[in-house]
């Protein structure tokens, strides 16, 4: 059984090419600098232009990242935090977007005060 981190950003204004490129650059940087051994799966941003028919018009970014199933405890939390930090940078690139972020059945809320995603427990 695998566990994934899922993320979706929505807003009325469509994503522009500059924003999309910046999001891809950030995701690539996090993949390249991954500090926890072999990368289980990179930060995946779906190609909405290719598969637009399956999405609502206001979805500007969607993706998921499978997490390793062979780690536990503190290391697992560090890996989750790594990908959440990547998402935090994407928030800055996509102003005005509303985010839905969850780890299978655990939701994360955006905290403007902490400038981070925090578990909704």
N, C-alpha and C. Protein backbone atom coordinates (compact mmCIF):
# COMPACT_ATOMS: atom_id res chain seq x y z
N UNK A 1 0.84 -1.18 0.00
CA UNK A 1 0.00 0.00 0.00
C UNK A 1 0.89 1.24 0.00
N UNK A 2 0.55 2.21 -0.83
CA UNK A 2 1.34 3.44 -0.88
C UNK A 2 0.57 4.60 -0.27
N UNK A 3 1.31 5.59 0.16
CA UNK A 3 0.74 6.81 0.71
C UNK A 3 1.23 7.95 -0.17
N UNK A 4 0.34 8.87 -0.49
CA UNK A 4 0.71 10.00 -1.34
C UNK A 4 0.28 11.31 -0.72
N UNK A 5 1.03 12.34 -1.06
CA UNK A 5 0.68 13.71 -0.73
C UNK A 5 0.02 14.28 -1.98
N UNK A 6 -1.20 14.79 -1.84
CA UNK A 6 -1.97 15.33 -2.95
C UNK A 6 -2.11 16.84 -2.78
N UNK A 7 -2.07 17.57 -3.88
CA UNK A 7 -2.15 19.02 -3.81
C UNK A 7 -2.87 19.57 -5.04
N UNK A 8 -3.76 20.51 -4.78
CA UNK A 8 -4.52 21.18 -5.83
C UNK A 8 -4.62 22.66 -5.49
N UNK A 9 -4.41 23.50 -6.49
CA UNK A 9 -4.57 24.95 -6.33
C UNK A 9 -5.66 25.41 -7.30
N UNK A 10 -6.57 26.25 -6.78
CA UNK A 10 -7.66 26.79 -7.60
C UNK A 10 -7.70 28.31 -7.46
N UNK A 11 -8.03 28.97 -8.55
CA UNK A 11 -8.32 30.39 -8.53
C UNK A 11 -9.03 30.76 -9.83
N UNK A 12 -9.68 31.90 -9.82
CA UNK A 12 -10.44 32.32 -11.00
C UNK A 12 -9.53 32.64 -12.18
N UNK A 13 -8.38 33.31 -11.92
CA UNK A 13 -7.48 33.66 -13.01
C UNK A 13 -6.67 32.43 -13.41
N UNK A 14 -6.61 32.14 -14.69
CA UNK A 14 -5.81 30.99 -15.15
C UNK A 14 -4.33 31.19 -14.83
N UNK A 15 -3.64 30.10 -14.75
CA UNK A 15 -2.19 30.15 -14.55
C UNK A 15 -1.55 30.69 -15.84
N UNK A 16 -0.55 31.54 -15.69
CA UNK A 16 0.16 32.05 -16.86
C UNK A 16 1.45 31.25 -17.04
N UNK A 17 2.02 31.32 -18.21
CA UNK A 17 3.20 30.53 -18.54
C UNK A 17 4.35 30.79 -17.57
N UNK A 18 4.55 32.04 -17.20
CA UNK A 18 5.64 32.38 -16.27
C UNK A 18 5.43 31.68 -14.92
N UNK A 19 4.20 31.65 -14.43
CA UNK A 19 3.91 30.96 -13.16
C UNK A 19 4.13 29.46 -13.30
N UNK A 20 3.66 28.88 -14.40
CA UNK A 20 3.83 27.44 -14.62
C UNK A 20 5.30 27.07 -14.68
N UNK A 21 6.06 27.86 -15.40
CA UNK A 21 7.50 27.59 -15.51
C UNK A 21 8.18 27.69 -14.15
N UNK A 22 7.81 28.69 -13.37
CA UNK A 22 8.41 28.86 -12.03
C UNK A 22 8.04 27.68 -11.13
N UNK A 23 6.81 27.23 -11.18
CA UNK A 23 6.39 26.05 -10.40
C UNK A 23 7.22 24.83 -10.79
N UNK A 24 7.41 24.63 -12.08
CA UNK A 24 8.21 23.48 -12.55
C UNK A 24 9.66 23.60 -12.09
N UNK A 25 10.21 24.82 -12.11
CA UNK A 25 11.59 25.03 -11.65
C UNK A 25 11.72 24.68 -10.17
N UNK A 26 10.76 25.10 -9.37
CA UNK A 26 10.80 24.81 -7.94
C UNK A 26 10.72 23.31 -7.70
N UNK A 27 9.78 22.65 -8.37
CA UNK A 27 9.63 21.19 -8.22
C UNK A 27 10.92 20.48 -8.62
N UNK A 28 11.51 20.89 -9.74
CA UNK A 28 12.76 20.27 -10.19
C UNK A 28 13.88 20.47 -9.18
N UNK A 29 13.97 21.68 -8.61
CA UNK A 29 15.01 21.96 -7.61
C UNK A 29 14.84 21.06 -6.39
N UNK A 30 13.61 20.90 -5.91
CA UNK A 30 13.38 20.03 -4.75
C UNK A 30 13.73 18.58 -5.09
N UNK A 31 13.42 18.14 -6.30
CA UNK A 31 13.79 16.79 -6.70
C UNK A 31 15.31 16.63 -6.70
N UNK A 32 16.01 17.60 -7.27
CA UNK A 32 17.47 17.51 -7.40
C UNK A 32 18.19 17.62 -6.06
N UNK A 33 17.62 18.36 -5.12
CA UNK A 33 18.28 18.57 -3.83
C UNK A 33 17.74 17.65 -2.73
N UNK A 34 16.94 16.68 -3.10
CA UNK A 34 16.35 15.75 -2.13
C UNK A 34 17.43 15.16 -1.22
N UNK A 35 17.35 15.40 0.10
CA UNK A 35 18.45 15.03 0.99
C UNK A 35 18.30 13.68 1.72
N UNK A 36 17.30 12.88 1.37
CA UNK A 36 17.00 11.69 2.17
C UNK A 36 17.30 10.39 1.44
N UNK A 37 18.42 10.33 0.76
CA UNK A 37 18.78 9.11 0.04
C UNK A 37 18.17 9.11 -1.35
N UNK A 38 17.91 7.91 -1.86
CA UNK A 38 17.32 7.80 -3.19
C UNK A 38 15.92 8.40 -3.20
N UNK A 39 15.63 9.15 -4.24
CA UNK A 39 14.31 9.77 -4.39
C UNK A 39 13.29 8.71 -4.74
N UNK A 40 12.29 8.54 -3.87
CA UNK A 40 11.26 7.52 -4.10
C UNK A 40 10.39 7.92 -5.29
N UNK A 41 9.89 9.15 -5.26
CA UNK A 41 9.15 9.71 -6.39
C UNK A 41 9.30 11.21 -6.33
N UNK A 42 9.52 11.82 -7.47
CA UNK A 42 9.68 13.27 -7.51
C UNK A 42 8.36 13.99 -7.30
N UNK A 43 8.48 15.31 -7.15
CA UNK A 43 7.32 16.17 -6.97
C UNK A 43 6.60 16.28 -8.31
N UNK A 44 5.44 15.71 -8.39
CA UNK A 44 4.72 15.59 -9.66
C UNK A 44 3.67 16.69 -9.80
N UNK A 45 3.78 17.46 -10.87
CA UNK A 45 2.76 18.43 -11.24
C UNK A 45 2.14 17.92 -12.54
N UNK A 46 0.83 17.66 -12.50
CA UNK A 46 0.16 17.13 -13.67
C UNK A 46 0.09 18.16 -14.79
N UNK A 47 0.10 17.69 -16.02
CA UNK A 47 -0.01 18.55 -17.19
C UNK A 47 -1.49 18.83 -17.45
N UNK A 48 -2.00 19.94 -16.93
CA UNK A 48 -3.42 20.25 -17.05
C UNK A 48 -3.81 20.61 -18.48
N UNK A 49 -2.90 21.14 -19.25
CA UNK A 49 -3.23 21.48 -20.64
C UNK A 49 -3.51 20.22 -21.44
N UNK A 50 -2.75 19.19 -21.16
CA UNK A 50 -2.93 17.92 -21.86
C UNK A 50 -4.21 17.22 -21.40
N UNK A 51 -4.50 17.29 -20.11
CA UNK A 51 -5.62 16.54 -19.53
C UNK A 51 -6.70 17.46 -18.97
N UNK A 52 -6.90 18.62 -19.52
CA UNK A 52 -7.81 19.63 -18.99
C UNK A 52 -9.25 19.13 -18.84
N UNK A 53 -9.69 18.22 -19.69
CA UNK A 53 -11.09 17.79 -19.67
C UNK A 53 -11.52 17.17 -18.34
N UNK A 54 -10.58 16.68 -17.55
CA UNK A 54 -10.93 16.06 -16.28
C UNK A 54 -10.94 17.01 -15.10
N UNK A 55 -10.77 18.31 -15.36
CA UNK A 55 -10.63 19.28 -14.26
C UNK A 55 -11.64 20.41 -14.38
N UNK A 56 -11.98 20.96 -13.23
CA UNK A 56 -12.80 22.17 -13.21
C UNK A 56 -11.98 23.31 -13.78
N UNK A 57 -12.65 24.31 -14.31
CA UNK A 57 -11.97 25.43 -14.96
C UNK A 57 -11.04 26.21 -14.04
N UNK A 58 -11.35 26.23 -12.73
CA UNK A 58 -10.54 27.04 -11.82
C UNK A 58 -9.32 26.32 -11.24
N UNK A 59 -9.10 25.08 -11.61
CA UNK A 59 -7.90 24.35 -11.16
C UNK A 59 -6.71 24.83 -11.98
N UNK A 60 -5.70 25.37 -11.28
CA UNK A 60 -4.51 25.88 -11.98
C UNK A 60 -3.28 25.02 -11.73
N UNK A 61 -3.31 24.18 -10.72
CA UNK A 61 -2.20 23.27 -10.44
C UNK A 61 -2.76 22.05 -9.72
N UNK A 62 -2.30 20.89 -10.12
CA UNK A 62 -2.72 19.65 -9.47
C UNK A 62 -1.57 18.66 -9.55
N UNK A 63 -1.44 17.86 -8.50
CA UNK A 63 -0.38 16.87 -8.52
C UNK A 63 -0.40 15.99 -7.29
N UNK A 64 0.53 15.05 -7.27
CA UNK A 64 0.69 14.16 -6.11
C UNK A 64 2.11 13.61 -6.11
N UNK A 65 2.52 13.23 -4.93
CA UNK A 65 3.85 12.63 -4.75
C UNK A 65 3.72 11.42 -3.84
N UNK A 66 4.10 10.25 -4.34
CA UNK A 66 4.11 9.05 -3.51
C UNK A 66 5.24 9.16 -2.52
N UNK A 67 4.96 8.74 -1.31
CA UNK A 67 5.96 8.75 -0.25
C UNK A 67 6.48 7.34 -0.02
N UNK A 68 7.72 7.23 0.42
CA UNK A 68 8.28 5.89 0.64
C UNK A 68 7.54 5.15 1.74
N UNK A 69 7.37 3.87 1.54
CA UNK A 69 6.68 3.06 2.53
C UNK A 69 7.64 2.31 3.43
N UNK A 70 8.92 2.44 3.16
CA UNK A 70 9.90 1.67 3.93
C UNK A 70 10.61 2.51 4.99
N UNK A 71 10.07 3.70 5.32
CA UNK A 71 10.64 4.52 6.38
C UNK A 71 9.54 4.86 7.38
N UNK A 72 9.95 5.14 8.60
CA UNK A 72 8.99 5.44 9.66
C UNK A 72 9.48 6.60 10.50
N UNK A 73 8.64 7.01 11.41
CA UNK A 73 9.01 7.95 12.45
C UNK A 73 9.52 9.28 11.96
N UNK A 74 10.61 9.71 12.57
CA UNK A 74 11.16 11.04 12.33
C UNK A 74 11.57 11.24 10.86
N UNK A 75 12.16 10.22 10.26
CA UNK A 75 12.57 10.34 8.85
C UNK A 75 11.35 10.55 7.96
N UNK A 76 10.30 9.82 8.21
CA UNK A 76 9.07 9.96 7.42
C UNK A 76 8.52 11.38 7.55
N UNK A 77 8.51 11.92 8.76
CA UNK A 77 8.03 13.28 8.98
C UNK A 77 8.91 14.31 8.28
N UNK A 78 10.22 14.07 8.24
CA UNK A 78 11.12 14.98 7.53
C UNK A 78 10.85 14.96 6.03
N UNK A 79 10.54 13.80 5.49
CA UNK A 79 10.23 13.69 4.06
C UNK A 79 8.93 14.42 3.74
N UNK A 80 7.92 14.23 4.57
CA UNK A 80 6.65 14.96 4.37
C UNK A 80 6.91 16.46 4.45
N UNK A 81 7.69 16.88 5.43
CA UNK A 81 8.00 18.30 5.59
C UNK A 81 8.75 18.85 4.38
N UNK A 82 9.63 18.06 3.79
CA UNK A 82 10.38 18.48 2.61
C UNK A 82 9.41 18.87 1.48
N UNK A 83 8.43 18.00 1.22
CA UNK A 83 7.48 18.26 0.13
C UNK A 83 6.52 19.39 0.50
N UNK A 84 6.18 19.53 1.77
CA UNK A 84 5.35 20.66 2.18
C UNK A 84 6.10 21.98 1.98
N UNK A 85 7.41 21.99 2.21
CA UNK A 85 8.21 23.20 1.97
C UNK A 85 8.19 23.56 0.48
N UNK A 86 8.22 22.56 -0.37
CA UNK A 86 8.11 22.81 -1.80
C UNK A 86 6.77 23.48 -2.11
N UNK A 87 5.71 22.96 -1.53
CA UNK A 87 4.39 23.55 -1.73
C UNK A 87 4.32 24.98 -1.21
N UNK A 88 4.99 25.24 -0.11
CA UNK A 88 5.00 26.60 0.44
C UNK A 88 5.60 27.59 -0.55
N UNK A 89 6.63 27.17 -1.27
CA UNK A 89 7.19 28.04 -2.30
C UNK A 89 6.21 28.24 -3.45
N UNK A 90 5.45 27.22 -3.77
CA UNK A 90 4.48 27.34 -4.85
C UNK A 90 3.36 28.31 -4.48
N UNK A 91 3.01 28.35 -3.20
CA UNK A 91 1.99 29.30 -2.75
C UNK A 91 2.39 30.73 -3.11
N UNK A 92 3.67 31.04 -2.95
CA UNK A 92 4.16 32.38 -3.27
C UNK A 92 4.10 32.68 -4.76
N UNK A 93 4.23 31.65 -5.59
CA UNK A 93 4.22 31.82 -7.04
C UNK A 93 2.80 31.99 -7.57
N UNK A 94 1.83 31.45 -6.85
CA UNK A 94 0.43 31.46 -7.32
C UNK A 94 -0.45 32.28 -6.37
N UNK A 95 -0.30 33.59 -6.38
CA UNK A 95 -1.07 34.43 -5.46
C UNK A 95 -2.57 34.29 -5.71
N UNK A 96 -3.30 34.31 -4.61
CA UNK A 96 -4.75 34.25 -4.69
C UNK A 96 -5.34 32.85 -4.86
N UNK A 97 -4.48 31.85 -4.92
CA UNK A 97 -4.97 30.48 -5.10
C UNK A 97 -5.46 29.91 -3.77
N UNK A 98 -6.49 29.09 -3.83
CA UNK A 98 -6.95 28.32 -2.68
C UNK A 98 -6.40 26.92 -2.84
N UNK A 99 -5.83 26.41 -1.76
CA UNK A 99 -5.12 25.13 -1.81
C UNK A 99 -5.87 24.03 -1.08
N UNK A 100 -5.84 22.84 -1.67
CA UNK A 100 -6.32 21.62 -1.01
C UNK A 100 -5.11 20.69 -0.98
N UNK A 101 -4.61 20.44 0.23
CA UNK A 101 -3.42 19.60 0.41
C UNK A 101 -3.78 18.52 1.43
N UNK A 102 -3.54 17.28 1.06
CA UNK A 102 -3.79 16.20 2.02
C UNK A 102 -2.86 15.02 1.76
N UNK A 103 -2.63 14.32 2.85
CA UNK A 103 -1.81 13.12 2.86
C UNK A 103 -2.78 11.97 3.11
N UNK A 104 -3.22 11.37 2.03
CA UNK A 104 -4.31 10.40 2.07
C UNK A 104 -5.47 10.95 2.90
N UNK A 105 -5.61 10.57 4.19
CA UNK A 105 -6.78 11.04 4.95
C UNK A 105 -6.47 12.18 5.93
N UNK A 106 -5.27 12.76 5.87
CA UNK A 106 -4.92 13.89 6.74
C UNK A 106 -4.87 15.17 5.91
N UNK A 107 -5.72 16.14 6.27
CA UNK A 107 -5.74 17.41 5.56
C UNK A 107 -4.73 18.38 6.17
N UNK A 108 -4.21 19.25 5.31
CA UNK A 108 -3.33 20.33 5.74
C UNK A 108 -3.98 21.65 5.37
N UNK A 109 -3.90 22.61 6.28
CA UNK A 109 -4.44 23.94 6.02
C UNK A 109 -3.29 24.92 5.87
N UNK A 110 -3.50 25.93 5.03
CA UNK A 110 -2.51 26.98 4.86
C UNK A 110 -2.63 27.95 6.03
N UNK A 111 -1.53 28.23 6.70
CA UNK A 111 -1.47 29.22 7.77
C UNK A 111 -0.70 30.42 7.25
N UNK A 112 -1.41 31.50 7.02
CA UNK A 112 -0.76 32.73 6.57
C UNK A 112 0.22 33.23 7.63
N UNK A 113 -0.18 33.09 8.89
CA UNK A 113 0.65 33.55 10.01
C UNK A 113 2.00 32.82 10.05
N UNK A 114 1.97 31.51 9.86
CA UNK A 114 3.19 30.70 9.90
C UNK A 114 3.82 30.51 8.52
N UNK A 115 3.12 30.96 7.49
CA UNK A 115 3.52 30.78 6.11
C UNK A 115 3.90 29.31 5.86
N UNK A 116 2.97 28.43 6.21
CA UNK A 116 3.22 27.00 6.04
C UNK A 116 1.90 26.24 6.06
N UNK A 117 1.98 25.00 5.58
CA UNK A 117 0.85 24.08 5.68
C UNK A 117 0.96 23.35 7.01
N UNK A 118 -0.13 23.34 7.76
CA UNK A 118 -0.14 22.68 9.06
C UNK A 118 -1.26 21.62 9.06
N UNK A 119 -1.02 20.52 9.78
CA UNK A 119 -2.06 19.47 9.82
C UNK A 119 -3.35 19.99 10.43
N UNK A 120 -4.45 19.60 9.83
CA UNK A 120 -5.77 19.94 10.35
C UNK A 120 -6.23 18.75 11.20
N UNK A 121 -5.88 18.82 12.48
CA UNK A 121 -6.17 17.68 13.38
C UNK A 121 -7.40 17.98 14.20
